PDB file of N, CA and C in Angstrom:
ATOM      1  N   MET A   1     -77.265 174.361-167.126  1.00  0.00           N
ATOM      2  CA  MET A   1     -77.073 173.258-166.390  1.00  0.00           C
ATOM      3  C   MET A   1     -76.278 172.332-167.294  1.00  0.00           C
ATOM      4  N   SER A   2     -75.134 171.743-166.712  1.00  0.00           N
ATOM      5  CA  SER A   2     -74.309 170.638-167.587  1.00  0.00           C
ATOM      6  C   SER A   2     -74.889 169.177-167.403  1.00  0.00           C
ATOM      7  N   ASP A   3     -74.522 168.317-168.082  1.00  0.00           N
ATOM      8  CA  ASP A   3     -74.779 167.005-167.914  1.00  0.00           C
ATOM      9  C   ASP A   3     -74.552 166.430-166.705  1.00  0.00           C
ATOM     10  N   LEU A   4     -73.187 166.964-166.123  1.00  0.00           N
ATOM     11  CA  LEU A   4     -73.056 166.413-164.568  1.00  0.00           C
ATOM     12  C   LEU A   4     -73.956 167.091-163.714  1.00  0.00           C
ATOM     13  N   ASP A   5     -74.286 168.309-163.800  1.00  0.00           N
ATOM     14  CA  ASP A   5     -75.434 168.904-162.836  1.00  0.00           C
ATOM     15  C   ASP A   5     -76.694 168.001-162.826  1.00  0.00           C
ATOM     16  N   ARG A   6     -77.026 168.016-164.122  1.00  0.00           N
ATOM     17  CA  ARG A   6     -78.402 167.165-164.240  1.00  0.00           C
ATOM     18  C   ARG A   6     -78.516 165.678-163.715  1.00  0.00           C
ATOM     19  N   TRP A   7     -77.151 164.905-163.910  1.00  0.00           N
ATOM     20  CA  TRP A   7     -76.975 163.605-163.490  1.00  0.00           C
ATOM     21  C   TRP A   7     -76.945 163.609-161.922  1.00  0.00           C
ATOM     22  N   VAL A   8     -76.260 164.650-161.167  1.00  0.00           N
ATOM     23  CA  VAL A   8     -76.294 164.606-159.894  1.00  0.00           C
ATOM     24  C   VAL A   8     -77.556 165.005-159.228  1.00  0.00           C
ATOM     25  N   THR A   9     -78.404 165.829-159.928  1.00  0.00           N
ATOM     26  CA  THR A   9     -79.743 166.191-159.475  1.00  0.00           C
ATOM     27  C   THR A   9     -80.653 164.932-159.487  1.00  0.00           C
ATOM     28  N   LYS A  10     -80.557 164.427-160.386  1.00  0.00           N
ATOM     29  CA  LYS A  10     -81.641 163.169-160.712  1.00  0.00           C
ATOM     30  C   LYS A  10     -81.134 161.983-159.799  1.00  0.00           C
ATOM     31  N   ALA A  11     -79.898 161.766-159.810  1.00  0.00           N
ATOM     32  CA  ALA A  11     -79.280 160.524-159.035  1.00  0.00           C
ATOM     33  C   ALA A  11     -79.582 160.764-157.553  1.00  0.00           C
ATOM     34  N   ALA A  12     -79.155 162.171-157.159  1.00  0.00           N
ATOM     35  CA  ALA A  12     -79.502 162.401-155.614  1.00  0.00           C
ATOM     36  C   ALA A  12     -81.030 162.448-155.416  1.00  0.00           C
ATOM     37  N   GLU A  13     -81.828 162.572-156.202  1.00  0.00           N
ATOM     38  CA  GLU A  13     -83.155 162.669-155.975  1.00  0.00           C
ATOM     39  C   GLU A  13     -83.789 161.066-156.056  1.00  0.00           C
ATOM     40  N   GLU A  14     -83.139 160.380-156.844  1.00  0.00           N
ATOM     41  CA  GLU A  14     -83.448 158.889-156.851  1.00  0.00           C
ATOM     42  C   GLU A  14     -83.220 158.241-155.666  1.00  0.00           C
ATOM     43  N   LEU A  15     -82.286 158.783-154.888  1.00  0.00           N
ATOM     44  CA  LEU A  15     -81.683 158.019-153.673  1.00  0.00           C
ATOM     45  C   LEU A  15     -82.393 158.841-152.573  1.00  0.00           C
ATOM     46  N   GLY A  16     -83.104 159.809-152.703  1.00  0.00           N
ATOM     47  CA  GLY A  16     -83.840 160.494-151.622  1.00  0.00           C
ATOM     48  C   GLY A  16     -82.948 161.445-150.754  1.00  0.00           C
ATOM     49  N   LEU A  17     -81.987 162.036-151.597  1.00  0.00           N
ATOM     50  CA  LEU A  17     -80.913 163.008-150.981  1.00  0.00           C
ATOM     51  C   LEU A  17     -81.214 164.408-151.624  1.00  0.00           C
ATOM     52  N   ASP A  18     -80.605 165.321-150.900  1.00  0.00           N
ATOM     53  CA  ASP A  18     -80.934 166.902-151.397  1.00  0.00           C
ATOM     54  C   ASP A  18     -79.764 167.085-152.281  1.00  0.00           C
ATOM     55  N   PRO A  19     -79.922 167.372-153.671  1.00  0.00           N
ATOM     56  CA  PRO A  19     -78.787 167.471-154.629  1.00  0.00           C
ATOM     57  C   PRO A  19     -77.963 168.705-153.946  1.00  0.00           C
ATOM     58  N   SER A  20     -78.581 169.656-153.551  1.00  0.00           N
ATOM     59  CA  SER A  20     -77.815 170.788-152.909  1.00  0.00           C
ATOM     60  C   SER A  20     -76.580 170.442-151.751  1.00  0.00           C
ATOM     61  N   GLU A  21     -76.772 169.200-151.307  1.00  0.00           N
ATOM     62  CA  GLU A  21     -75.776 168.806-150.218  1.00  0.00           C
ATOM     63  C   GLU A  21     -74.769 167.977-150.803  1.00  0.00           C
ATOM     64  N   VAL A  22     -74.610 167.878-152.184  1.00  0.00           N
ATOM     65  CA  VAL A  22     -73.586 166.940-152.881  1.00  0.00           C
ATOM     66  C   VAL A  22     -72.360 167.817-153.269  1.00  0.00           C
ATOM     67  N   PRO A  23     -71.279 167.781-152.456  1.00  0.00           N
ATOM     68  CA  PRO A  23     -70.057 168.429-153.031  1.00  0.00           C
ATOM     69  C   PRO A  23     -69.247 168.176-154.118  1.00  0.00           C
ATOM     70  N   VAL A  24     -69.987 168.393-155.247  1.00  0.00           N
ATOM     71  CA  VAL A  24     -69.403 167.763-156.576  1.00  0.00           C
ATOM     72  C   VAL A  24     -68.026 168.236-156.505  1.00  0.00           C
ATOM     73  N   THR A  25     -67.544 169.351-156.520  1.00  0.00           N
ATOM     74  CA  THR A  25     -66.154 169.868-156.755  1.00  0.00           C
ATOM     75  C   THR A  25     -65.332 169.115-155.924  1.00  0.00           C
ATOM     76  N   THR A  26     -65.731 169.075-154.629  1.00  0.00           N
ATOM     77  CA  THR A  26     -64.778 168.411-153.574  1.00  0.00           C
ATOM     78  C   THR A  26     -64.652 166.805-153.901  1.00  0.00           C
ATOM     79  N   VAL A  27     -65.724 166.191-154.313  1.00  0.00           N
ATOM     80  CA  VAL A  27     -65.422 164.771-154.731  1.00  0.00           C
ATOM     81  C   VAL A  27     -64.733 164.756-156.004  1.00  0.00           C
ATOM     82  N   LEU A  28     -64.880 165.410-156.970  1.00  0.00           N
ATOM     83  CA  LEU A  28     -63.999 165.385-158.210  1.00  0.00           C
ATOM     84  C   LEU A  28     -62.651 165.689-157.810  1.00  0.00           C
ATOM     85  N   ALA A  29     -62.283 166.599-156.887  1.00  0.00           N
ATOM     86  CA  ALA A  29     -60.952 166.862-156.469  1.00  0.00           C
ATOM     87  C   ALA A  29     -60.235 165.529-155.906  1.00  0.00           C
ATOM     88  N   VAL A  30     -61.064 165.104-155.029  1.00  0.00           N
ATOM     89  CA  VAL A  30     -60.521 163.811-154.387  1.00  0.00           C
ATOM     90  C   VAL A  30     -60.141 162.788-155.480  1.00  0.00           C
ATOM     91  N   ALA A  31     -61.024 162.645-156.228  1.00  0.00           N
ATOM     92  CA  ALA A  31     -60.964 161.672-157.386  1.00  0.00           C
ATOM     93  C   ALA A  31     -59.736 161.899-158.292  1.00  0.00           C
ATOM     94  N   LYS A  32     -59.625 163.020-158.656  1.00  0.00           N
ATOM     95  CA  LYS A  32     -58.330 163.690-159.359  1.00  0.00           C
ATOM     96  C   LYS A  32     -57.166 163.249-158.733  1.00  0.00           C
ATOM     97  N   ASP A  33     -57.060 163.574-157.383  1.00  0.00           N
ATOM     98  CA  ASP A  33     -55.873 163.329-156.541  1.00  0.00           C
ATOM     99  C   ASP A  33     -55.370 162.044-156.737  1.00  0.00           C
ATOM    100  N   VAL A  34     -56.538 161.106-156.292  1.00  0.00           N
ATOM    101  CA  VAL A  34     -56.310 159.692-156.267  1.00  0.00           C
ATOM    102  C   VAL A  34     -55.789 159.001-157.699  1.00  0.00           C
ATOM    103  N   ALA A  35     -56.666 159.427-158.715  1.00  0.00           N
ATOM    104  CA  ALA A  35     -56.387 158.841-160.082  1.00  0.00           C
ATOM    105  C   ALA A  35     -54.951 159.209-160.377  1.00  0.00           C
ATOM    106  N   HIS A  36     -54.382 160.445-160.227  1.00  0.00           N
ATOM    107  CA  HIS A  36     -53.211 160.856-160.653  1.00  0.00           C
ATOM    108  C   HIS A  36     -52.099 160.546-159.841  1.00  0.00           C
ATOM    109  N   GLY A  37     -52.413 160.355-158.298  1.00  0.00           N
ATOM    110  CA  GLY A  37     -51.225 160.163-157.243  1.00  0.00           C
ATOM    111  C   GLY A  37     -51.114 158.682-156.846  1.00  0.00           C
ATOM    112  N   VAL A  38     -52.217 158.022-157.073  1.00  0.00           N
ATOM    113  CA  VAL A  38     -52.239 156.400-156.666  1.00  0.00           C
ATOM    114  C   VAL A  38     -52.258 155.523-157.810  1.00  0.00           C
ATOM    115  N   VAL A  39     -53.581 155.489-158.202  1.00  0.00           N
ATOM    116  CA  VAL A  39     -53.992 154.638-159.360  1.00  0.00           C
ATOM    117  C   VAL A  39     -55.479 155.026-159.886  1.00  0.00           C
ATOM    118  N   ARG A  40     -55.622 155.130-161.269  1.00  0.00           N
ATOM    119  CA  ARG A  40     -56.892 155.508-161.554  1.00  0.00           C
ATOM    120  C   ARG A  40     -58.179 154.675-161.108  1.00  0.00           C
ATOM    121  N   PRO A  41     -58.210 153.297-160.869  1.00  0.00           N
ATOM    122  CA  PRO A  41     -59.170 152.799-160.420  1.00  0.00           C
ATOM    123  C   PRO A  41     -59.598 153.268-158.983  1.00  0.00           C
ATOM    124  N   GLY A  42     -58.550 153.773-158.505  1.00  0.00           N
ATOM    125  CA  GLY A  42     -58.724 154.185-156.907  1.00  0.00           C
ATOM    126  C   GLY A  42     -59.717 155.291-156.879  1.00  0.00           C
ATOM    127  N   ALA A  43     -59.989 156.037-157.852  1.00  0.00           N
ATOM    128  CA  ALA A  43     -60.821 157.205-157.822  1.00  0.00           C
ATOM    129  C   ALA A  43     -62.112 157.069-157.326  1.00  0.00           C
ATOM    130  N   PRO A  44     -62.863 156.170-158.187  1.00  0.00           N
ATOM    131  CA  PRO A  44     -64.334 155.798-157.751  1.00  0.00           C
ATOM    132  C   PRO A  44     -64.515 154.948-156.383  1.00  0.00           C
ATOM    133  N   VAL A  45     -63.347 154.387-156.165  1.00  0.00           N
ATOM    134  CA  VAL A  45     -63.259 153.556-154.887  1.00  0.00           C
ATOM    135  C   VAL A  45     -63.319 154.740-153.603  1.00  0.00           C
ATOM    136  N   SER A  46     -62.484 155.262-153.761  1.00  0.00           N
ATOM    137  CA  SER A  46     -62.089 156.461-152.785  1.00  0.00           C
ATOM    138  C   SER A  46     -63.297 157.462-152.608  1.00  0.00           C
ATOM    139  N   ALA A  47     -64.026 157.617-153.752  1.00  0.00           N
ATOM    140  CA  ALA A  47     -65.387 158.512-153.862  1.00  0.00           C
ATOM    141  C   ALA A  47     -66.392 157.449-152.811  1.00  0.00           C
ATOM    142  N   TYR A  48     -66.396 156.399-153.109  1.00  0.00           N
ATOM    143  CA  TYR A  48     -67.381 155.399-152.286  1.00  0.00           C
ATOM    144  C   TYR A  48     -66.983 155.607-150.849  1.00  0.00           C
ATOM    145  N   LEU A  49     -65.595 155.638-150.476  1.00  0.00           N
ATOM    146  CA  LEU A  49     -65.300 155.637-149.129  1.00  0.00           C
ATOM    147  C   LEU A  49     -65.514 156.942-148.540  1.00  0.00           C
ATOM    148  N   MET A  50     -65.370 157.776-149.194  1.00  0.00           N
ATOM    149  CA  MET A  50     -65.624 159.404-148.747  1.00  0.00           C
ATOM    150  C   MET A  50     -67.208 159.278-148.434  1.00  0.00           C
ATOM    151  N   GLY A  51     -67.975 158.679-149.376  1.00  0.00           N
ATOM    152  CA  GLY A  51     -69.405 158.477-149.016  1.00  0.00           C
ATOM    153  C   GLY A  51     -69.842 157.772-147.667  1.00  0.00           C
ATOM    154  N   LEU A  52     -69.066 156.607-147.588  1.00  0.00           N
ATOM    155  CA  LEU A  52     -69.117 155.888-146.231  1.00  0.00           C
ATOM    156  C   LEU A  52     -68.958 156.795-145.105  1.00  0.00           C
ATOM    157  N   ALA A  53     -67.893 157.368-145.319  1.00  0.00           N
ATOM    158  CA  ALA A  53     -67.428 158.131-143.832  1.00  0.00           C
ATOM    159  C   ALA A  53     -68.307 159.193-143.641  1.00  0.00           C
ATOM    160  N   VAL A  54     -68.613 160.013-144.831  1.00  0.00           N
ATOM    161  CA  VAL A  54     -69.673 161.169-144.522  1.00  0.00           C
ATOM    162  C   VAL A  54     -70.911 160.614-144.059  1.00  0.00           C
ATOM    163  N   GLY A  55     -71.412 159.604-144.413  1.00  0.00           N
ATOM    164  CA  GLY A  55     -72.759 158.962-144.074  1.00  0.00           C
ATOM    165  C   GLY A  55     -72.722 158.506-142.682  1.00  0.00           C
ATOM    166  N   ARG A  56     -71.372 158.192-142.225  1.00  0.00           N
ATOM    167  CA  ARG A  56     -71.235 157.959-140.829  1.00  0.00           C
ATOM    168  C   ARG A  56     -71.023 158.971-139.966  1.00  0.00           C
ATOM    169  N   GLY A  57     -71.025 160.318-140.415  1.00  0.00           N
ATOM    170  CA  GLY A  57     -70.942 161.496-139.685  1.00  0.00           C
ATOM    171  C   GLY A  57     -69.660 162.408-139.841  1.00  0.00           C
ATOM    172  N   ALA A  58     -68.771 161.830-140.794  1.00  0.00           N
ATOM    173  CA  ALA A  58     -67.799 162.712-140.871  1.00  0.00           C
ATOM    174  C   ALA A  58     -67.895 163.937-141.869  1.00  0.00           C
ATOM    175  N   ALA A  59     -67.346 165.079-141.604  1.00  0.00           N
ATOM    176  CA  ALA A  59     -67.292 166.268-142.324  1.00  0.00           C
ATOM    177  C   ALA A  59     -66.733 165.891-143.719  1.00  0.00           C
ATOM    178  N   PRO A  60     -67.538 166.279-144.716  1.00  0.00           N
ATOM    179  CA  PRO A  60     -67.111 166.194-146.124  1.00  0.00           C
ATOM    180  C   PRO A  60     -65.809 166.801-146.343  1.00  0.00           C
ATOM    181  N   ALA A  61     -65.538 168.097-145.914  1.00  0.00           N
ATOM    182  CA  ALA A  61     -64.246 168.770-146.190  1.00  0.00           C
ATOM    183  C   ALA A  61     -63.182 168.037-145.435  1.00  0.00           C
ATOM    184  N   ASP A  62     -63.382 167.554-144.216  1.00  0.00           N
ATOM    185  CA  ASP A  62     -62.369 166.924-143.485  1.00  0.00           C
ATOM    186  C   ASP A  62     -61.900 165.474-144.119  1.00  0.00           C
ATOM    187  N   VAL A  63     -62.909 164.847-144.844  1.00  0.00           N
ATOM    188  CA  VAL A  63     -62.603 163.436-145.173  1.00  0.00           C
ATOM    189  C   VAL A  63     -61.888 163.832-146.654  1.00  0.00           C
ATOM    190  N   ALA A  64     -62.382 164.703-147.350  1.00  0.00           N
ATOM    191  CA  ALA A  64     -61.666 165.049-148.583  1.00  0.00           C
ATOM    192  C   ALA A  64     -60.155 165.550-148.415  1.00  0.00           C
ATOM    193  N   ASP A  65     -59.923 166.352-147.274  1.00  0.00           N
ATOM    194  CA  ASP A  65     -58.594 166.866-147.045  1.00  0.00           C
ATOM    195  C   ASP A  65     -57.717 165.602-146.657  1.00  0.00           C
ATOM    196  N   ARG A  66     -58.279 164.853-145.990  1.00  0.00           N
ATOM    197  CA  ARG A  66     -57.425 163.612-145.496  1.00  0.00           C
ATOM    198  C   ARG A  66     -57.103 162.669-146.597  1.00  0.00           C
ATOM    199  N   LEU A  67     -58.214 162.337-147.477  1.00  0.00           N
ATOM    200  CA  LEU A  67     -57.878 161.541-148.589  1.00  0.00           C
ATOM    201  C   LEU A  67     -56.949 162.113-149.658  1.00  0.00           C
ATOM    202  N   SER A  68     -56.944 163.345-149.961  1.00  0.00           N
ATOM    203  CA  SER A  68     -56.253 164.065-150.885  1.00  0.00           C
ATOM    204  C   SER A  68     -54.734 164.340-150.248  1.00  0.00           C
ATOM    205  N   ASP A  69     -54.663 164.386-149.060  1.00  0.00           N
ATOM    206  CA  ASP A  69     -53.316 164.509-148.376  1.00  0.00           C
ATOM    207  C   ASP A  69     -52.695 163.102-148.440  1.00  0.00           C
ATOM    208  N   LEU A  70     -53.453 161.908-148.278  1.00  0.00           N
ATOM    209  CA  LEU A  70     -52.863 160.614-148.335  1.00  0.00           C
ATOM    210  C   LEU A  70     -52.474 160.347-149.883  1.00  0.00           C
ATOM    211  N   ALA A  71     -53.404 160.666-150.628  1.00  0.00           N
ATOM    212  CA  ALA A  71     -52.971 160.478-152.052  1.00  0.00           C
ATOM    213  C   ALA A  71     -51.878 161.234-152.671  1.00  0.00           C
ATOM    214  N   ASN A  72     -51.782 162.548-152.072  1.00  0.00           N
ATOM    215  CA  ASN A  72     -50.710 163.430-152.713  1.00  0.00           C
ATOM    216  C   ASN A  72     -49.241 162.842-152.023  1.00  0.00           C
ATOM    217  N   SER A  73     -49.262 162.168-150.829  1.00  0.00           N
ATOM    218  CA  SER A  73     -48.041 161.644-150.276  1.00  0.00           C
ATOM    219  C   SER A  73     -47.814 160.218-150.573  1.00  0.00           C
ATOM    220  N   TRP A  74     -48.578 159.754-151.390  1.00  0.00           N
ATOM    221  CA  TRP A  74     -48.534 158.257-151.770  1.00  0.00           C
ATOM    222  C   TRP A  74     -46.984 158.075-152.618  1.00  0.00           C
ATOM    223  N   PRO A  75     -46.410 156.938-152.228  1.00  0.00           N
ATOM    224  CA  PRO A  75     -45.198 156.737-152.993  1.00  0.00           C
ATOM    225  C   PRO A  75     -45.306 156.486-154.452  1.00  0.00           C
ATOM    226  N   PRO A  76     -44.466 156.992-155.355  1.00  0.00           N
ATOM    227  CA  PRO A  76     -44.732 156.536-156.804  1.00  0.00           C
ATOM    228  C   PRO A  76     -44.679 155.062-156.988  1.00  0.00           C
ATOM    229  N   ALA A  77     -45.377 154.723-158.099  1.00  0.00           N
ATOM    230  CA  ALA A  77     -45.328 153.344-158.424  1.00  0.00           C
ATOM    231  C   ALA A  77     -44.061 152.950-158.940  1.00  0.00           C
ATOM    232  N   ALA A  78     -43.672 151.909-158.677  1.00  0.00           N
ATOM    233  CA  ALA A  78     -42.227 151.256-159.036  1.00  0.00           C
ATOM    234  C   ALA A  78     -42.334 151.057-160.581  1.00  0.00           C
ATOM    235  N   PRO A  79     -41.298 151.377-161.324  1.00  0.00           N
ATOM    236  CA  PRO A  79     -41.127 151.310-162.767  1.00  0.00           C
ATOM    237  C   PRO A  79     -41.309 149.956-163.095  1.00  0.00           C
TER     238      PRO A  79
END
């Protein structure tokens, strides 16, 4: 078990969540897309937004796809 796995397990348990329901790979993929395609500080904020949307009933995979699509279509920053 990696440090990340241990952290997710303990953090989820602390919050009363089932660690097996945490889509770690999906969240990390969205964070990567946002960090590389938009702006680095947008990665954790996007993960938070994803959590809010899922908490309100959205499907995690749908939210991830929508955020990744948005990040991947984001115009490059001006030089």
